[in-house]
Amino acid sequence: MKTWQNGEPTPGVCLLTLFHQKPGIDYQTFLHRWHNSHTPLSLKLHPLWNYNRNVVKEKITEYRDWYDGIVEEQTRTRAELLNPVKFFGKPHKILQNMLAVYTDTKSFLDYKGLRLI
């Protein structure tokens, strides 16, 4: 249940990810894999409190950095984000879940331009 006012930052810890579309796939494939595969996987595996997915459709400045996607993944606590057991699941599932996330993200985003903040 939401306990903060509209316009106030969502409480918790945020992982901000900026990324480019994977070379060699078309734009519709990029969006389909991101929205219909990765988003549901993230929501299933991670203890997310808030998830904002932003598609960048147009470059409006000549600033050199350009990203096709911006995602905010928020958890309630630092431990939920930084502790692999809390972020990826029970000990017997961690490696399987990490591999699933890696395989999925590798299908649509370019790891060379990935920025995690």
PDB file of N, CA and C in Angstrom:
ATOM      1  N   MET A   1       0.839  -1.173   0.000  1.00  0.00           N
ATOM      2  CA  MET A   1       0.000   0.000   0.000  1.00  0.00           C
ATOM      3  C   MET A   1       0.887   1.241   0.000  1.00  0.00           C
ATOM      4  N   LYS A   2       0.527   2.203  -0.819  1.00  0.00           N
ATOM      5  CA  LYS A   2       1.292   3.452  -0.937  1.00  0.00           C
ATOM      6  C   LYS A   2       1.071   4.307   0.306  1.00  0.00           C
ATOM      7  N   THR A   3       2.204   4.749   0.901  1.00  0.00           N
ATOM      8  CA  THR A   3       2.124   5.546   2.132  1.00  0.00           C
ATOM      9  C   THR A   3       2.734   6.937   1.968  1.00  0.00           C
ATOM     10  N   TRP A   4       3.158   7.319   0.761  1.00  0.00           N
ATOM     11  CA  TRP A   4       3.776   8.608   0.529  1.00  0.00           C
ATOM     12  C   TRP A   4       2.894   9.424  -0.426  1.00  0.00           C
ATOM     13  N   GLN A   5       3.098  10.723  -0.412  1.00  0.00           N
ATOM     14  CA  GLN A   5       2.295  11.636  -1.221  1.00  0.00           C
ATOM     15  C   GLN A   5       2.729  11.620  -2.691  1.00  0.00           C
ATOM     16  N   ASN A   6       1.796  11.877  -3.583  1.00  0.00           N
ATOM     17  CA  ASN A   6       2.130  12.045  -4.997  1.00  0.00           C
ATOM     18  C   ASN A   6       3.149  13.172  -5.128  1.00  0.00           C
ATOM     19  N   GLY A   7       4.116  12.981  -5.987  1.00  0.00           N
ATOM     20  CA  GLY A   7       5.153  13.981  -6.184  1.00  0.00           C
ATOM     21  C   GLY A   7       6.370  13.778  -5.305  1.00  0.00           C
ATOM     22  N   GLU A   8       6.249  12.964  -4.261  1.00  0.00           N
ATOM     23  CA  GLU A   8       7.386  12.649  -3.398  1.00  0.00           C
ATOM     24  C   GLU A   8       8.112  11.434  -3.966  1.00  0.00           C
ATOM     25  N   PRO A   9       9.431  11.353  -3.746  1.00  0.00           N
ATOM     26  CA  PRO A   9      10.166  10.173  -4.212  1.00  0.00           C
ATOM     27  C   PRO A   9       9.632   8.890  -3.555  1.00  0.00           C
ATOM     28  N   THR A  10       9.633   7.818  -4.329  1.00  0.00           N
ATOM     29  CA  THR A  10       9.255   6.520  -3.790  1.00  0.00           C
ATOM     30  C   THR A  10      10.316   6.095  -2.786  1.00  0.00           C
ATOM     31  N   PRO A  11       9.928   5.706  -1.581  1.00  0.00           N
ATOM     32  CA  PRO A  11      10.925   5.269  -0.599  1.00  0.00           C
ATOM     33  C   PRO A  11      11.627   3.989  -1.056  1.00  0.00           C
ATOM     34  N   GLY A  12      12.831   3.794  -0.575  1.00  0.00           N
ATOM     35  CA  GLY A  12      13.569   2.586  -0.892  1.00  0.00           C
ATOM     36  C   GLY A  12      14.859   2.892  -1.624  1.00  0.00           C
ATOM     37  N   VAL A  13      15.403   1.857  -2.263  1.00  0.00           N
ATOM     38  CA  VAL A  13      16.671   1.935  -2.969  1.00  0.00           C
ATOM     39  C   VAL A  13      16.398   1.687  -4.448  1.00  0.00           C
ATOM     40  N   CYS A  14      17.055   2.465  -5.307  1.00  0.00           N
ATOM     41  CA  CYS A  14      16.783   2.373  -6.740  1.00  0.00           C
ATOM     42  C   CYS A  14      18.029   1.972  -7.524  1.00  0.00           C
ATOM     43  N   LEU A  15      17.857   1.030  -8.418  1.00  0.00           N
ATOM     44  CA  LEU A  15      18.870   0.698  -9.412  1.00  0.00           C
ATOM     45  C   LEU A  15      18.396   1.321 -10.717  1.00  0.00           C
ATOM     46  N   LEU A  16      19.139   2.291 -11.212  1.00  0.00           N
ATOM     47  CA  LEU A  16      18.816   2.973 -12.460  1.00  0.00           C
ATOM     48  C   LEU A  16      19.674   2.362 -13.559  1.00  0.00           C
ATOM     49  N   THR A  17      19.033   1.870 -14.605  1.00  0.00           N
ATOM     50  CA  THR A  17      19.748   1.226 -15.695  1.00  0.00           C
ATOM     51  C   THR A  17      19.463   1.971 -16.996  1.00  0.00           C
ATOM     52  N   LEU A  18      20.536   2.347 -17.688  1.00  0.00           N
ATOM     53  CA  LEU A  18      20.455   3.022 -18.983  1.00  0.00           C
ATOM     54  C   LEU A  18      21.067   2.080 -20.010  1.00  0.00           C
ATOM     55  N   PHE A  19      20.381   1.853 -21.127  1.00  0.00           N
ATOM     56  CA  PHE A  19      20.910   0.885 -22.082  1.00  0.00           C
ATOM     57  C   PHE A  19      20.520   1.195 -23.514  1.00  0.00           C
ATOM     58  N   HIS A  20      21.248   0.538 -24.428  1.00  0.00           N
ATOM     59  CA  HIS A  20      21.040   0.639 -25.864  1.00  0.00           C
ATOM     60  C   HIS A  20      20.437  -0.668 -26.375  1.00  0.00           C
ATOM     61  N   GLN A  21      19.740  -0.548 -27.460  1.00  0.00           N
ATOM     62  CA  GLN A  21      19.221  -1.711 -28.169  1.00  0.00           C
ATOM     63  C   GLN A  21      20.378  -2.565 -28.663  1.00  0.00           C
ATOM     64  N   LYS A  22      20.224  -3.856 -28.601  1.00  0.00           N
ATOM     65  CA  LYS A  22      21.263  -4.773 -29.077  1.00  0.00           C
ATOM     66  C   LYS A  22      21.423  -4.632 -30.598  1.00  0.00           C
ATOM     67  N   PRO A  23      22.672  -4.470 -31.054  1.00  0.00           N
ATOM     68  CA  PRO A  23      22.889  -4.430 -32.507  1.00  0.00           C
ATOM     69  C   PRO A  23      22.437  -5.747 -33.141  1.00  0.00           C
ATOM     70  N   GLY A  24      21.904  -5.654 -34.329  1.00  0.00           N
ATOM     71  CA  GLY A  24      21.526  -6.864 -35.053  1.00  0.00           C
ATOM     72  C   GLY A  24      20.079  -7.284 -34.874  1.00  0.00           C
ATOM     73  N   ILE A  25      19.326  -6.618 -33.996  1.00  0.00           N
ATOM     74  CA  ILE A  25      17.903  -6.915 -33.883  1.00  0.00           C
ATOM     75  C   ILE A  25      17.124  -5.646 -34.257  1.00  0.00           C
ATOM     76  N   ASP A  26      15.919  -5.839 -34.782  1.00  0.00           N
ATOM     77  CA  ASP A  26      15.131  -4.674 -35.162  1.00  0.00           C
ATOM     78  C   ASP A  26      14.426  -4.089 -33.933  1.00  0.00           C
ATOM     79  N   TYR A  27      13.912  -2.892 -34.098  1.00  0.00           N
ATOM     80  CA  TYR A  27      13.314  -2.139 -32.988  1.00  0.00           C
ATOM     81  C   TYR A  27      12.124  -2.879 -32.369  1.00  0.00           C
ATOM     82  N   GLN A  28      11.284  -3.476 -33.188  1.00  0.00           N
ATOM     83  CA  GLN A  28      10.116  -4.188 -32.656  1.00  0.00           C
ATOM     84  C   GLN A  28      10.534  -5.414 -31.834  1.00  0.00           C
ATOM     85  N   THR A  29      11.571  -6.105 -32.262  1.00  0.00           N
ATOM     86  CA  THR A  29      12.092  -7.246 -31.499  1.00  0.00           C
ATOM     87  C   THR A  29      12.662  -6.760 -30.175  1.00  0.00           C
ATOM     88  N   PHE A  30      13.406  -5.661 -30.215  1.00  0.00           N
ATOM     89  CA  PHE A  30      13.939  -5.054 -28.995  1.00  0.00           C
ATOM     90  C   PHE A  30      12.821  -4.782 -27.988  1.00  0.00           C
ATOM     91  N   LEU A  31      11.789  -4.083 -28.426  1.00  0.00           N
ATOM     92  CA  LEU A  31      10.672  -3.759 -27.526  1.00  0.00           C
ATOM     93  C   LEU A  31       9.946  -5.003 -27.046  1.00  0.00           C
ATOM     94  N   HIS A  32       9.714  -5.935 -27.954  1.00  0.00           N
ATOM     95  CA  HIS A  32       8.990  -7.164 -27.582  1.00  0.00           C
ATOM     96  C   HIS A  32       9.749  -7.945 -26.514  1.00  0.00           C
ATOM     97  N   ARG A  33      11.039  -8.141 -26.694  1.00  0.00           N
ATOM     98  CA  ARG A  33      11.831  -8.906 -25.715  1.00  0.00           C
ATOM     99  C   ARG A  33      11.916  -8.176 -24.379  1.00  0.00           C
ATOM    100  N   TRP A  34      12.100  -6.855 -24.439  1.00  0.00           N
ATOM    101  CA  TRP A  34      12.182  -6.063 -23.212  1.00  0.00           C
ATOM    102  C   TRP A  34      10.853  -6.075 -22.462  1.00  0.00           C
ATOM    103  N   HIS A  35       9.772  -5.754 -23.160  1.00  0.00           N
ATOM    104  CA  HIS A  35       8.478  -5.587 -22.499  1.00  0.00           C
ATOM    105  C   HIS A  35       7.776  -6.903 -22.180  1.00  0.00           C
ATOM    106  N   ASN A  36       7.894  -7.892 -23.052  1.00  0.00           N
ATOM    107  CA  ASN A  36       7.111  -9.118 -22.900  1.00  0.00           C
ATOM    108  C   ASN A  36       7.876 -10.303 -22.336  1.00  0.00           C
ATOM    109  N   SER A  37       9.191 -10.172 -22.245  1.00  0.00           N
ATOM    110  CA  SER A  37       9.993 -11.240 -21.658  1.00  0.00           C
ATOM    111  C   SER A  37      10.693 -10.747 -20.391  1.00  0.00           C
ATOM    112  N   HIS A  38      11.493  -9.683 -20.549  1.00  0.00           N
ATOM    113  CA  HIS A  38      12.303  -9.257 -19.412  1.00  0.00           C
ATOM    114  C   HIS A  38      11.495  -8.622 -18.277  1.00  0.00           C
ATOM    115  N   THR A  39      10.581  -7.753 -18.604  1.00  0.00           N
ATOM    116  CA  THR A  39       9.794  -7.116 -17.540  1.00  0.00           C
ATOM    117  C   THR A  39       9.061  -8.148 -16.689  1.00  0.00           C
ATOM    118  N   PRO A  40       8.309  -9.084 -17.290  1.00  0.00           N
ATOM    119  CA  PRO A  40       7.650 -10.095 -16.447  1.00  0.00           C
ATOM    120  C   PRO A  40       8.642 -10.937 -15.634  1.00  0.00           C
ATOM    121  N   LEU A  41       9.807 -11.245 -16.228  1.00  0.00           N
ATOM    122  CA  LEU A  41      10.821 -12.016 -15.507  1.00  0.00           C
ATOM    123  C   LEU A  41      11.321 -11.238 -14.296  1.00  0.00           C
ATOM    124  N   SER A  42      11.619  -9.951 -14.486  1.00  0.00           N
ATOM    125  CA  SER A  42      12.074  -9.112 -13.366  1.00  0.00           C
ATOM    126  C   SER A  42      11.037  -9.045 -12.262  1.00  0.00           C
ATOM    127  N   LEU A  43       9.801  -8.837 -12.645  1.00  0.00           N
ATOM    128  CA  LEU A  43       8.733  -8.739 -11.642  1.00  0.00           C
ATOM    129  C   LEU A  43       8.513 -10.060 -10.906  1.00  0.00           C
ATOM    130  N   LYS A  44       8.791 -11.161 -11.576  1.00  0.00           N
ATOM    131  CA  LYS A  44       8.644 -12.483 -10.952  1.00  0.00           C
ATOM    132  C   LYS A  44       9.798 -12.802  -9.993  1.00  0.00           C
ATOM    133  N   LEU A  45      11.031 -12.487 -10.410  1.00  0.00           N
ATOM    134  CA  LEU A  45      12.205 -12.917  -9.644  1.00  0.00           C
ATOM    135  C   LEU A  45      12.641 -11.964  -8.536  1.00  0.00           C
ATOM    136  N   HIS A  46      12.565 -10.677  -8.787  1.00  0.00           N
ATOM    137  CA  HIS A  46      13.142  -9.696  -7.874  1.00  0.00           C
ATOM    138  C   HIS A  46      12.093  -9.120  -6.919  1.00  0.00           C
ATOM    139  N   PRO A  47      12.519  -8.737  -5.710  1.00  0.00           N
ATOM    140  CA  PRO A  47      11.585  -8.159  -4.724  1.00  0.00           C
ATOM    141  C   PRO A  47      11.354  -6.666  -4.995  1.00  0.00           C
ATOM    142  N   LEU A  48      10.778  -6.373  -6.162  1.00  0.00           N
ATOM    143  CA  LEU A  48      10.630  -4.983  -6.574  1.00  0.00           C
ATOM    144  C   LEU A  48       9.426  -4.332  -5.897  1.00  0.00           C
ATOM    145  N   TRP A  49       9.652  -3.122  -5.503  1.00  0.00           N
ATOM    146  CA  TRP A  49       8.669  -2.296  -4.820  1.00  0.00           C
ATOM    147  C   TRP A  49       8.076  -1.312  -5.817  1.00  0.00           C
ATOM    148  N   ASN A  50       8.893  -0.947  -6.795  1.00  0.00           N
ATOM    149  CA  ASN A  50       8.477  -0.013  -7.836  1.00  0.00           C
ATOM    150  C   ASN A  50       9.300  -0.327  -9.078  1.00  0.00           C
ATOM    151  N   TYR A  51       8.668  -0.244 -10.238  1.00  0.00           N
ATOM    152  CA  TYR A  51       9.350  -0.535 -11.499  1.00  0.00           C
ATOM    153  C   TYR A  51       8.869   0.476 -12.535  1.00  0.00           C
ATOM    154  N   ASN A  52       9.774   1.291 -13.044  1.00  0.00           N
ATOM    155  CA  ASN A  52       9.445   2.254 -14.086  1.00  0.00           C
ATOM    156  C   ASN A  52      10.262   1.938 -15.320  1.00  0.00           C
ATOM    157  N   ARG A  53       9.578   1.750 -16.419  1.00  0.00           N
ATOM    158  CA  ARG A  53      10.214   1.411 -17.688  1.00  0.00           C
ATOM    159  C   ARG A  53       9.977   2.572 -18.650  1.00  0.00           C
ATOM    160  N   ASN A  54      11.066   3.127 -19.190  1.00  0.00           N
ATOM    161  CA  ASN A  54      10.973   4.279 -20.084  1.00  0.00           C
ATOM    162  C   ASN A  54      11.617   3.973 -21.426  1.00  0.00           C
ATOM    163  N   VAL A  55      10.831   4.082 -22.489  1.00  0.00           N
ATOM    164  CA  VAL A  55      11.341   3.924 -23.840  1.00  0.00           C
ATOM    165  C   VAL A  55      11.707   5.314 -24.344  1.00  0.00           C
ATOM    166  N   VAL A  56      12.946   5.473 -24.785  1.00  0.00           N
ATOM    167  CA  VAL A  56      13.382   6.747 -25.341  1.00  0.00           C
ATOM    168  C   VAL A  56      13.122   6.684 -26.845  1.00  0.00           C
ATOM    169  N   LYS A  57      12.200   7.521 -27.297  1.00  0.00           N
ATOM    170  CA  LYS A  57      11.782   7.456 -28.693  1.00  0.00           C
ATOM    171  C   LYS A  57      12.501   8.421 -29.612  1.00  0.00           C
ATOM    172  N   GLU A  58      13.063   9.471 -29.033  1.00  0.00           N
ATOM    173  CA  GLU A  58      13.637  10.493 -29.893  1.00  0.00           C
ATOM    174  C   GLU A  58      14.759  11.235 -29.178  1.00  0.00           C
ATOM    175  N   LYS A  59      15.809  11.500 -29.910  1.00  0.00           N
ATOM    176  CA  LYS A  59      16.922  12.287 -29.384  1.00  0.00           C
ATOM    177  C   LYS A  59      16.583  13.759 -29.610  1.00  0.00           C
ATOM    178  N   ILE A  60      16.571  14.552 -28.528  1.00  0.00           N
ATOM    179  CA  ILE A  60      16.169  15.951 -28.677  1.00  0.00           C
ATOM    180  C   ILE A  60      17.320  16.933 -28.494  1.00  0.00           C
ATOM    181  N   THR A  61      18.512  16.425 -28.163  1.00  0.00           N
ATOM    182  CA  THR A  61      19.688  17.291 -28.056  1.00  0.00           C
ATOM    183  C   THR A  61      20.856  16.611 -28.761  1.00  0.00           C
ATOM    184  N   GLU A  62      21.927  17.315 -28.891  1.00  0.00           N
ATOM    185  CA  GLU A  62      23.127  16.752 -29.498  1.00  0.00           C
ATOM    186  C   GLU A  62      24.080  16.175 -28.453  1.00  0.00           C
ATOM    187  N   TYR A  63      23.612  16.051 -27.211  1.00  0.00           N
ATOM    188  CA  TYR A  63      24.428  15.468 -26.157  1.00  0.00           C
ATOM    189  C   TYR A  63      24.886  14.092 -26.598  1.00  0.00           C
ATOM    190  N   ARG A  64      26.131  13.766 -26.369  1.00  0.00           N
ATOM    191  CA  ARG A  64      26.715  12.541 -26.917  1.00  0.00           C
ATOM    192  C   ARG A  64      26.127  11.252 -26.367  1.00  0.00           C
ATOM    193  N   ASP A  65      25.661  11.256 -25.138  1.00  0.00           N
ATOM    194  CA  ASP A  65      25.096  10.036 -24.566  1.00  0.00           C
ATOM    195  C   ASP A  65      23.631   9.897 -24.959  1.00  0.00           C
ATOM    196  N   TRP A  66      23.311   8.752 -25.493  1.00  0.00           N
ATOM    197  CA  TRP A  66      21.958   8.464 -25.948  1.00  0.00           C
ATOM    198  C   TRP A  66      21.625   7.039 -25.520  1.00  0.00           C
ATOM    199  N   TYR A  67      20.451   6.846 -24.984  1.00  0.00           N
ATOM    200  CA  TYR A  67      20.028   5.522 -24.556  1.00  0.00           C
ATOM    201  C   TYR A  67      18.657   5.228 -25.136  1.00  0.00           C
ATOM    202  N   ASP A  68      18.403   3.959 -25.428  1.00  0.00           N
ATOM    203  CA  ASP A  68      17.103   3.545 -25.951  1.00  0.00           C
ATOM    204  C   ASP A  68      16.135   3.199 -24.832  1.00  0.00           C
ATOM    205  N   GLY A  69      16.671   2.844 -23.673  1.00  0.00           N
ATOM    206  CA  GLY A  69      15.825   2.477 -22.550  1.00  0.00           C
ATOM    207  C   GLY A  69      16.395   2.954 -21.232  1.00  0.00           C
ATOM    208  N   ILE A  70      15.496   3.310 -20.336  1.00  0.00           N
ATOM    209  CA  ILE A  70      15.854   3.725 -18.980  1.00  0.00           C
ATOM    210  C   ILE A  70      14.892   3.008 -18.036  1.00  0.00           C
ATOM    211  N   VAL A  71      15.455   2.277 -17.084  1.00  0.00           N
ATOM    212  CA  VAL A  71      14.617   1.520 -16.150  1.00  0.00           C
ATOM    213  C   VAL A  71      15.013   1.851 -14.716  1.00  0.00           C
ATOM    214  N   GLU A  72      14.009   2.068 -13.896  1.00  0.00           N
ATOM    215  CA  GLU A  72      14.199   2.241 -12.453  1.00  0.00           C
ATOM    216  C   GLU A  72      13.612   1.006 -11.778  1.00  0.00           C
ATOM    217  N   GLU A  73      14.450   0.276 -11.052  1.00  0.00           N
ATOM    218  CA  GLU A  73      13.998  -0.874 -10.279  1.00  0.00           C
ATOM    219  C   GLU A  73      14.240  -0.551  -8.812  1.00  0.00           C
ATOM    220  N   GLN A  74      13.171  -0.495  -8.040  1.00  0.00           N
ATOM    221  CA  GLN A  74      13.303  -0.123  -6.638  1.00  0.00           C
ATOM    222  C   GLN A  74      12.910  -1.274  -5.724  1.00  0.00           C
ATOM    223  N   THR A  75      13.702  -1.401  -4.662  1.00  0.00           N
ATOM    224  CA  THR A  75      13.397  -2.346  -3.593  1.00  0.00           C
ATOM    225  C   THR A  75      13.197  -1.546  -2.310  1.00  0.00           C
ATOM    226  N   ARG A  76      12.619  -2.181  -1.325  1.00  0.00           N
ATOM    227  CA  ARG A  76      12.351  -1.480  -0.067  1.00  0.00           C
ATOM    228  C   ARG A  76      13.627  -1.194   0.724  1.00  0.00           C
ATOM    229  N   THR A  77      14.617  -2.110   0.601  1.00  0.00           N
ATOM    230  CA  THR A  77      15.848  -1.974   1.397  1.00  0.00           C
ATOM    231  C   THR A  77      17.080  -2.215   0.533  1.00  0.00           C
ATOM    232  N   ARG A  78      18.240  -1.731   1.037  1.00  0.00           N
ATOM    233  CA  ARG A  78      19.520  -1.991   0.355  1.00  0.00           C
ATOM    234  C   ARG A  78      19.800  -3.486   0.273  1.00  0.00           C
ATOM    235  N   ALA A  79      19.473  -4.203   1.323  1.00  0.00           N
ATOM    236  CA  ALA A  79      19.740  -5.646   1.351  1.00  0.00           C
ATOM    237  C   ALA A  79      18.972  -6.368   0.247  1.00  0.00           C
ATOM    238  N   GLU A  80      17.747  -5.943  -0.020  1.00  0.00           N
ATOM    239  CA  GLU A  80      16.968  -6.589  -1.081  1.00  0.00           C
ATOM    240  C   GLU A  80      17.616  -6.395  -2.449  1.00  0.00           C
ATOM    241  N   LEU A  81      18.293  -5.285  -2.633  1.00  0.00           N
ATOM    242  CA  LEU A  81      18.953  -5.013  -3.906  1.00  0.00           C
ATOM    243  C   LEU A  81      20.350  -5.628  -3.976  1.00  0.00           C
ATOM    244  N   LEU A  82      21.105  -5.550  -2.887  1.00  0.00           N
ATOM    245  CA  LEU A  82      22.516  -5.934  -2.912  1.00  0.00           C
ATOM    246  C   LEU A  82      22.819  -7.361  -2.467  1.00  0.00           C
ATOM    247  N   ASN A  83      21.917  -7.996  -1.772  1.00  0.00           N
ATOM    248  CA  ASN A  83      22.129  -9.363  -1.322  1.00  0.00           C
ATOM    249  C   ASN A  83      21.568 -10.318  -2.386  1.00  0.00           C
ATOM    250  N   PRO A  84      22.428 -11.118  -3.045  1.00  0.00           N
ATOM    251  CA  PRO A  84      21.947 -12.003  -4.109  1.00  0.00           C
ATOM    252  C   PRO A  84      20.827 -12.957  -3.682  1.00  0.00           C
ATOM    253  N   VAL A  85      20.865 -13.414  -2.431  1.00  0.00           N
ATOM    254  CA  VAL A  85      19.814 -14.319  -1.954  1.00  0.00           C
ATOM    255  C   VAL A  85      18.472 -13.591  -1.928  1.00  0.00           C
ATOM    256  N   LYS A  86      18.493 -12.346  -1.527  1.00  0.00           N
ATOM    257  CA  LYS A  86      17.250 -11.581  -1.490  1.00  0.00           C
ATOM    258  C   LYS A  86      16.826 -11.129  -2.895  1.00  0.00           C
ATOM    259  N   PHE A  87      17.787 -10.778  -3.754  1.00  0.00           N
ATOM    260  CA  PHE A  87      17.458 -10.248  -5.073  1.00  0.00           C
ATOM    261  C   PHE A  87      17.129 -11.339  -6.091  1.00  0.00           C
ATOM    262  N   PHE A  88      17.804 -12.497  -6.011  1.00  0.00           N
ATOM    263  CA  PHE A  88      17.611 -13.550  -7.003  1.00  0.00           C
ATOM    264  C   PHE A  88      16.892 -14.790  -6.488  1.00  0.00           C
ATOM    265  N   GLY A  89      16.619 -14.875  -5.204  1.00  0.00           N
ATOM    266  CA  GLY A  89      15.858 -16.008  -4.709  1.00  0.00           C
ATOM    267  C   GLY A  89      16.639 -16.913  -3.784  1.00  0.00           C
ATOM    268  N   LYS A  90      16.009 -17.979  -3.419  1.00  0.00           N
ATOM    269  CA  LYS A  90      16.582 -18.932  -2.461  1.00  0.00           C
ATOM    270  C   LYS A  90      17.900 -19.501  -2.977  1.00  0.00           C
ATOM    271  N   PRO A  91      18.795 -19.894  -2.054  1.00  0.00           N
ATOM    272  CA  PRO A  91      20.131 -20.360  -2.457  1.00  0.00           C
ATOM    273  C   PRO A  91      20.142 -21.404  -3.574  1.00  0.00           C
ATOM    274  N   HIS A  92      19.210 -22.328  -3.563  1.00  0.00           N
ATOM    275  CA  HIS A  92      19.215 -23.359  -4.604  1.00  0.00           C
ATOM    276  C   HIS A  92      18.699 -22.837  -5.946  1.00  0.00           C
ATOM    277  N   LYS A  93      18.205 -21.606  -6.012  1.00  0.00           N
ATOM    278  CA  LYS A  93      17.687 -21.016  -7.246  1.00  0.00           C
ATOM    279  C   LYS A  93      18.536 -19.851  -7.768  1.00  0.00           C
ATOM    280  N   ILE A  94      19.489 -19.353  -6.958  1.00  0.00           N
ATOM    281  CA  ILE A  94      20.229 -18.140  -7.335  1.00  0.00           C
ATOM    282  C   ILE A  94      20.897 -18.270  -8.704  1.00  0.00           C
ATOM    283  N   LEU A  95      21.702 -19.292  -8.909  1.00  0.00           N
ATOM    284  CA  LEU A  95      22.428 -19.428 -10.173  1.00  0.00           C
ATOM    285  C   LEU A  95      21.483 -19.577 -11.356  1.00  0.00           C
ATOM    286  N   GLN A  96      20.446 -20.361 -11.203  1.00  0.00           N
ATOM    287  CA  GLN A  96      19.447 -20.544 -12.257  1.00  0.00           C
ATOM    288  C   GLN A  96      18.771 -19.211 -12.599  1.00  0.00           C
ATOM    289  N   ASN A  97      18.404 -18.443 -11.570  1.00  0.00           N
ATOM    290  CA  ASN A  97      17.735 -17.164 -11.795  1.00  0.00           C
ATOM    291  C   ASN A  97      18.684 -16.121 -12.385  1.00  0.00           C
ATOM    292  N   MET A  98      19.940 -16.104 -11.928  1.00  0.00           N
ATOM    293  CA  MET A  98      20.925 -15.187 -12.503  1.00  0.00           C
ATOM    294  C   MET A  98      21.135 -15.487 -13.984  1.00  0.00           C
ATOM    295  N   LEU A  99      21.250 -16.750 -14.319  1.00  0.00           N
ATOM    296  CA  LEU A  99      21.437 -17.157 -15.714  1.00  0.00           C
ATOM    297  C   LEU A  99      20.219 -16.774 -16.549  1.00  0.00           C
ATOM    298  N   ALA A 100      19.039 -16.941 -16.013  1.00  0.00           N
ATOM    299  CA  ALA A 100      17.816 -16.566 -16.737  1.00  0.00           C
ATOM    300  C   ALA A 100      17.797 -15.070 -17.030  1.00  0.00           C
ATOM    301  N   VAL A 101      18.169 -14.249 -16.050  1.00  0.00           N
ATOM    302  CA  VAL A 101      18.193 -12.800 -16.246  1.00  0.00           C
ATOM    303  C   VAL A 101      19.268 -12.424 -17.265  1.00  0.00           C
ATOM    304  N   TYR A 102      20.450 -13.002 -17.148  1.00  0.00           N
ATOM    305  CA  TYR A 102      21.532 -12.710 -18.085  1.00  0.00           C
ATOM    306  C   TYR A 102      21.144 -13.100 -19.515  1.00  0.00           C
ATOM    307  N   THR A 103      20.638 -14.296 -19.688  1.00  0.00           N
ATOM    308  CA  THR A 103      20.256 -14.778 -21.013  1.00  0.00           C
ATOM    309  C   THR A 103      19.176 -13.889 -21.616  1.00  0.00           C
ATOM    310  N   ASP A 104      18.213 -13.514 -20.798  1.00  0.00           N
ATOM    311  CA  ASP A 104      17.117 -12.685 -21.275  1.00  0.00           C
ATOM    312  C   ASP A 104      17.597 -11.289 -21.677  1.00  0.00           C
ATOM    313  N   THR A 105      18.366 -10.633 -20.812  1.00  0.00           N
ATOM    314  CA  THR A 105      18.825  -9.279 -21.134  1.00  0.00           C
ATOM    315  C   THR A 105      19.765  -9.286 -22.339  1.00  0.00           C
ATOM    316  N   LYS A 106      20.578 -10.314 -22.460  1.00  0.00           N
ATOM    317  CA  LYS A 106      21.514 -10.404 -23.588  1.00  0.00           C
ATOM    318  C   LYS A 106      20.778 -10.509 -24.928  1.00  0.00           C
ATOM    319  N   SER A 107      19.515 -10.901 -24.907  1.00  0.00           N
ATOM    320  CA  SER A 107      18.754 -11.053 -26.146  1.00  0.00           C
ATOM    321  C   SER A 107      18.244  -9.727 -26.709  1.00  0.00           C
ATOM    322  N   PHE A 108      18.276  -8.644 -25.912  1.00  0.00           N
ATOM    323  CA  PHE A 108      17.719  -7.393 -26.421  1.00  0.00           C
ATOM    324  C   PHE A 108      18.555  -6.150 -26.140  1.00  0.00           C
ATOM    325  N   LEU A 109      19.496  -6.200 -25.199  1.00  0.00           N
ATOM    326  CA  LEU A 109      20.269  -4.992 -24.935  1.00  0.00           C
ATOM    327  C   LEU A 109      21.748  -5.189 -25.206  1.00  0.00           C
ATOM    328  N   ASP A 110      22.413  -4.066 -25.446  1.00  0.00           N
ATOM    329  CA  ASP A 110      23.836  -4.049 -25.772  1.00  0.00           C
ATOM    330  C   ASP A 110      24.633  -3.871 -24.480  1.00  0.00           C
ATOM    331  N   TYR A 111      25.323  -4.906 -24.053  1.00  0.00           N
ATOM    332  CA  TYR A 111      26.065  -4.855 -22.798  1.00  0.00           C
ATOM    333  C   TYR A 111      27.215  -3.838 -22.831  1.00  0.00           C
ATOM    334  N   LYS A 112      27.736  -3.516 -24.019  1.00  0.00           N
ATOM    335  CA  LYS A 112      28.847  -2.562 -24.096  1.00  0.00           C
ATOM    336  C   LYS A 112      28.450  -1.174 -23.638  1.00  0.00           C
ATOM    337  N   GLY A 113      27.200  -0.790 -23.871  1.00  0.00           N
ATOM    338  CA  GLY A 113      26.759   0.553 -23.506  1.00  0.00           C
ATOM    339  C   GLY A 113      25.931   0.611 -22.236  1.00  0.00           C
ATOM    340  N   LEU A 114      25.867  -0.489 -21.511  1.00  0.00           N
ATOM    341  CA  LEU A 114      25.048  -0.576 -20.314  1.00  0.00           C
ATOM    342  C   LEU A 114      25.606   0.299 -19.194  1.00  0.00           C
ATOM    343  N   ARG A 115      24.745   1.052 -18.550  1.00  0.00           N
ATOM    344  CA  ARG A 115      25.131   1.894 -17.412  1.00  0.00           C
ATOM    345  C   ARG A 115      24.206   1.574 -16.244  1.00  0.00           C
ATOM    346  N   LEU A 116      24.791   1.200 -15.116  1.00  0.00           N
ATOM    347  CA  LEU A 116      24.041   0.944 -13.888  1.00  0.00           C
ATOM    348  C   LEU A 116      24.406   2.025 -12.888  1.00  0.00           C
ATOM    349  N   ILE A 117      23.404   2.673 -12.342  1.00  0.00           N
ATOM    350  CA  ILE A 117      23.647   3.766 -11.419  1.00  0.00           C
ATOM    351  C   ILE A 117      22.897   3.488 -10.115  1.00  0.00           C
TER     352      ILE A 117
END
